[in-house]
Amino acid sequence: MNFALLEQSVQYTFLNSKYSKDGTKSRILKNVKEGATAGSLAKVGAALAQLQGDDLGAATLIQKQGIPIGDE
């Protein structure tokens, strides 16, 4: 039995001293295409950081996967 991909999103962490006491701000973008590569997600994060005047601190792919129940 294999897992069934239900949903993907990506969380970006931006670094800038203007954000709270720890200097970070996170944003989650939903509906990431199933075939998206790590490189393409990193490029998007870097572009968003540049537009905001921030540094990109991290990018994390978040997946929700269904677990088959029964005789599948």
N, C-alpha and C. Protein backbone atom coordinates (compact mmCIF):
# COMPACT_ATOMS: atom_id res chain seq x y z
N MET A 1 0.84 -1.19 0.00
CA MET A 1 0.00 0.00 0.00
C MET A 1 0.88 1.25 0.00
N ASN A 2 0.48 2.21 -0.78
CA ASN A 2 1.21 3.47 -0.85
C ASN A 2 0.35 4.59 -0.28
N PHE A 3 1.04 5.65 0.16
CA PHE A 3 0.34 6.84 0.60
C PHE A 3 -0.28 7.53 -0.62
N ALA A 4 -1.34 8.30 -0.40
CA ALA A 4 -1.97 9.09 -1.46
C ALA A 4 -1.78 10.56 -1.13
N LEU A 5 -1.09 11.29 -2.00
CA LEU A 5 -0.85 12.70 -1.77
C LEU A 5 -2.16 13.47 -1.83
N LEU A 6 -2.49 14.18 -0.77
CA LEU A 6 -3.74 14.94 -0.70
C LEU A 6 -3.51 16.43 -0.94
N GLU A 7 -2.40 16.95 -0.41
CA GLU A 7 -2.16 18.40 -0.48
C GLU A 7 -0.68 18.68 -0.25
N GLN A 8 -0.17 19.71 -0.92
CA GLN A 8 1.21 20.16 -0.72
C GLN A 8 1.21 21.67 -0.54
N SER A 9 2.07 22.13 0.34
CA SER A 9 2.30 23.55 0.50
C SER A 9 3.78 23.75 0.83
N VAL A 10 4.21 25.00 0.76
CA VAL A 10 5.60 25.31 1.08
C VAL A 10 5.61 26.44 2.10
N GLN A 11 6.49 26.32 3.09
CA GLN A 11 6.65 27.36 4.10
C GLN A 11 8.00 28.02 3.91
N TYR A 12 7.98 29.33 3.74
CA TYR A 12 9.20 30.11 3.62
C TYR A 12 9.43 30.89 4.91
N THR A 13 10.67 30.93 5.34
CA THR A 13 11.05 31.75 6.49
C THR A 13 11.96 32.85 6.00
N PHE A 14 11.53 34.09 6.22
CA PHE A 14 12.28 35.26 5.78
C PHE A 14 12.98 35.89 6.98
N LEU A 15 14.18 36.41 6.72
CA LEU A 15 15.00 37.00 7.77
C LEU A 15 15.15 38.51 7.54
N ASN A 16 14.83 39.27 8.57
CA ASN A 16 15.00 40.72 8.51
C ASN A 16 14.83 41.25 9.93
N SER A 17 15.65 42.20 10.31
CA SER A 17 15.60 42.73 11.67
C SER A 17 14.29 43.46 11.96
N LYS A 18 13.53 43.82 10.93
CA LYS A 18 12.26 44.52 11.14
C LYS A 18 11.15 43.59 11.66
N TYR A 19 11.38 42.27 11.62
CA TYR A 19 10.37 41.31 12.05
C TYR A 19 10.58 40.90 13.50
N SER A 20 9.60 41.10 14.32
CA SER A 20 9.56 40.67 15.72
C SER A 20 10.92 40.63 16.41
N LYS A 21 10.96 40.03 17.56
CA LYS A 21 12.20 40.00 18.33
C LYS A 21 13.24 39.04 17.78
N ASP A 22 12.81 37.99 17.06
CA ASP A 22 13.79 37.03 16.53
C ASP A 22 14.16 37.30 15.08
N GLY A 23 13.54 38.30 14.46
CA GLY A 23 13.93 38.70 13.11
C GLY A 23 13.49 37.76 12.01
N THR A 24 12.45 36.95 12.27
CA THR A 24 11.97 36.02 11.24
C THR A 24 10.48 36.22 11.00
N LYS A 25 10.06 35.88 9.78
CA LYS A 25 8.64 35.88 9.42
C LYS A 25 8.42 34.69 8.51
N SER A 26 7.38 33.92 8.78
CA SER A 26 7.07 32.74 7.96
C SER A 26 5.81 32.98 7.16
N ARG A 27 5.81 32.42 5.96
CA ARG A 27 4.63 32.45 5.10
C ARG A 27 4.44 31.07 4.49
N ILE A 28 3.19 30.64 4.44
CA ILE A 28 2.86 29.35 3.84
C ILE A 28 2.07 29.61 2.57
N LEU A 29 2.53 29.02 1.46
CA LEU A 29 1.84 29.10 0.19
C LEU A 29 1.25 27.72 -0.11
N LYS A 30 -0.05 27.69 -0.33
CA LYS A 30 -0.75 26.42 -0.54
C LYS A 30 -0.78 26.05 -2.02
N ASN A 31 -1.27 24.86 -2.28
CA ASN A 31 -1.50 24.34 -3.63
C ASN A 31 -0.23 24.25 -4.47
N VAL A 32 0.83 23.73 -3.89
CA VAL A 32 2.07 23.50 -4.64
C VAL A 32 1.85 22.31 -5.57
N LYS A 33 2.21 22.50 -6.83
CA LYS A 33 2.02 21.45 -7.85
C LYS A 33 2.81 20.20 -7.47
N GLU A 34 2.24 19.05 -7.74
CA GLU A 34 2.85 17.77 -7.35
C GLU A 34 4.25 17.59 -7.93
N GLY A 35 4.51 18.04 -9.14
CA GLY A 35 5.81 17.84 -9.76
C GLY A 35 6.83 18.94 -9.49
N ALA A 36 6.53 19.86 -8.60
CA ALA A 36 7.44 20.97 -8.32
C ALA A 36 8.77 20.44 -7.77
N THR A 37 9.87 21.01 -8.27
CA THR A 37 11.19 20.58 -7.81
C THR A 37 11.68 21.47 -6.66
N ALA A 38 12.63 20.95 -5.92
CA ALA A 38 13.22 21.72 -4.82
C ALA A 38 13.85 23.01 -5.35
N GLY A 39 14.51 22.91 -6.49
CA GLY A 39 15.15 24.08 -7.09
C GLY A 39 14.16 25.17 -7.45
N SER A 40 13.02 24.77 -8.02
CA SER A 40 12.03 25.77 -8.41
C SER A 40 11.39 26.42 -7.19
N LEU A 41 11.15 25.66 -6.13
CA LEU A 41 10.59 26.22 -4.91
C LEU A 41 11.58 27.17 -4.24
N ALA A 42 12.86 26.83 -4.31
CA ALA A 42 13.90 27.71 -3.74
C ALA A 42 13.98 29.02 -4.53
N LYS A 43 13.85 28.95 -5.86
CA LYS A 43 13.87 30.16 -6.68
C LYS A 43 12.70 31.08 -6.35
N VAL A 44 11.53 30.49 -6.15
CA VAL A 44 10.36 31.30 -5.79
C VAL A 44 10.59 31.98 -4.45
N GLY A 45 11.10 31.24 -3.49
CA GLY A 45 11.37 31.82 -2.17
C GLY A 45 12.39 32.94 -2.24
N ALA A 46 13.44 32.75 -3.03
CA ALA A 46 14.47 33.78 -3.18
C ALA A 46 13.90 35.03 -3.84
N ALA A 47 13.02 34.84 -4.84
CA ALA A 47 12.40 35.98 -5.52
C ALA A 47 11.48 36.75 -4.57
N LEU A 48 10.70 36.02 -3.78
CA LEU A 48 9.83 36.69 -2.80
C LEU A 48 10.65 37.46 -1.77
N ALA A 49 11.73 36.85 -1.30
CA ALA A 49 12.59 37.52 -0.33
C ALA A 49 13.17 38.80 -0.92
N GLN A 50 13.63 38.74 -2.15
CA GLN A 50 14.20 39.91 -2.79
C GLN A 50 13.16 41.03 -2.94
N LEU A 51 11.95 40.67 -3.34
CA LEU A 51 10.89 41.67 -3.49
C LEU A 51 10.54 42.35 -2.16
N GLN A 52 10.67 41.60 -1.07
CA GLN A 52 10.35 42.13 0.26
C GLN A 52 11.54 42.82 0.91
N GLY A 53 12.72 42.70 0.32
CA GLY A 53 13.92 43.26 0.92
C GLY A 53 14.45 42.42 2.08
N ASP A 54 14.19 41.11 2.02
CA ASP A 54 14.59 40.18 3.09
C ASP A 54 15.63 39.20 2.57
N ASP A 55 16.13 38.38 3.48
CA ASP A 55 16.93 37.21 3.13
C ASP A 55 16.05 35.99 3.33
N LEU A 56 16.25 34.97 2.49
CA LEU A 56 15.52 33.72 2.65
C LEU A 56 16.27 32.85 3.64
N GLY A 57 15.61 32.50 4.74
CA GLY A 57 16.25 31.70 5.78
C GLY A 57 16.04 30.21 5.61
N ALA A 58 14.85 29.83 5.16
CA ALA A 58 14.53 28.40 5.01
C ALA A 58 13.32 28.23 4.12
N ALA A 59 13.22 27.06 3.53
CA ALA A 59 12.05 26.66 2.76
C ALA A 59 11.74 25.21 3.14
N THR A 60 10.48 24.94 3.45
CA THR A 60 10.08 23.61 3.89
C THR A 60 8.85 23.16 3.11
N LEU A 61 8.95 22.00 2.49
CA LEU A 61 7.81 21.42 1.79
C LEU A 61 6.95 20.68 2.80
N ILE A 62 5.65 20.97 2.80
CA ILE A 62 4.71 20.34 3.72
C ILE A 62 3.75 19.49 2.89
N GLN A 63 3.64 18.23 3.24
CA GLN A 63 2.75 17.32 2.51
C GLN A 63 1.75 16.69 3.46
N LYS A 64 0.51 16.58 2.98
CA LYS A 64 -0.51 15.81 3.67
C LYS A 64 -0.78 14.60 2.80
N GLN A 65 -0.61 13.42 3.39
CA GLN A 65 -0.80 12.19 2.63
C GLN A 65 -1.81 11.30 3.34
N GLY A 66 -2.69 10.74 2.54
CA GLY A 66 -3.69 9.83 3.06
C GLY A 66 -3.11 8.43 3.23
N ILE A 67 -3.55 7.78 4.28
CA ILE A 67 -3.13 6.40 4.53
C ILE A 67 -4.27 5.47 4.16
N PRO A 68 -4.03 4.56 3.22
CA PRO A 68 -5.09 3.64 2.80
C PRO A 68 -5.54 2.74 3.98
N ILE A 69 -6.83 2.59 4.07
CA ILE A 69 -7.42 1.74 5.11
C ILE A 69 -8.10 0.57 4.42
N GLY A 70 -7.84 -0.61 4.88
CA GLY A 70 -8.52 -1.78 4.33
C GLY A 70 -7.70 -2.51 3.30
N ASP A 71 -8.36 -3.15 2.34
CA ASP A 71 -7.72 -4.03 1.37
C ASP A 71 -7.36 -3.32 0.08
N GLU A 72 -6.71 -2.22 0.15
CA GLU A 72 -6.33 -1.48 -1.07
C GLU A 72 -4.95 -1.85 -1.52
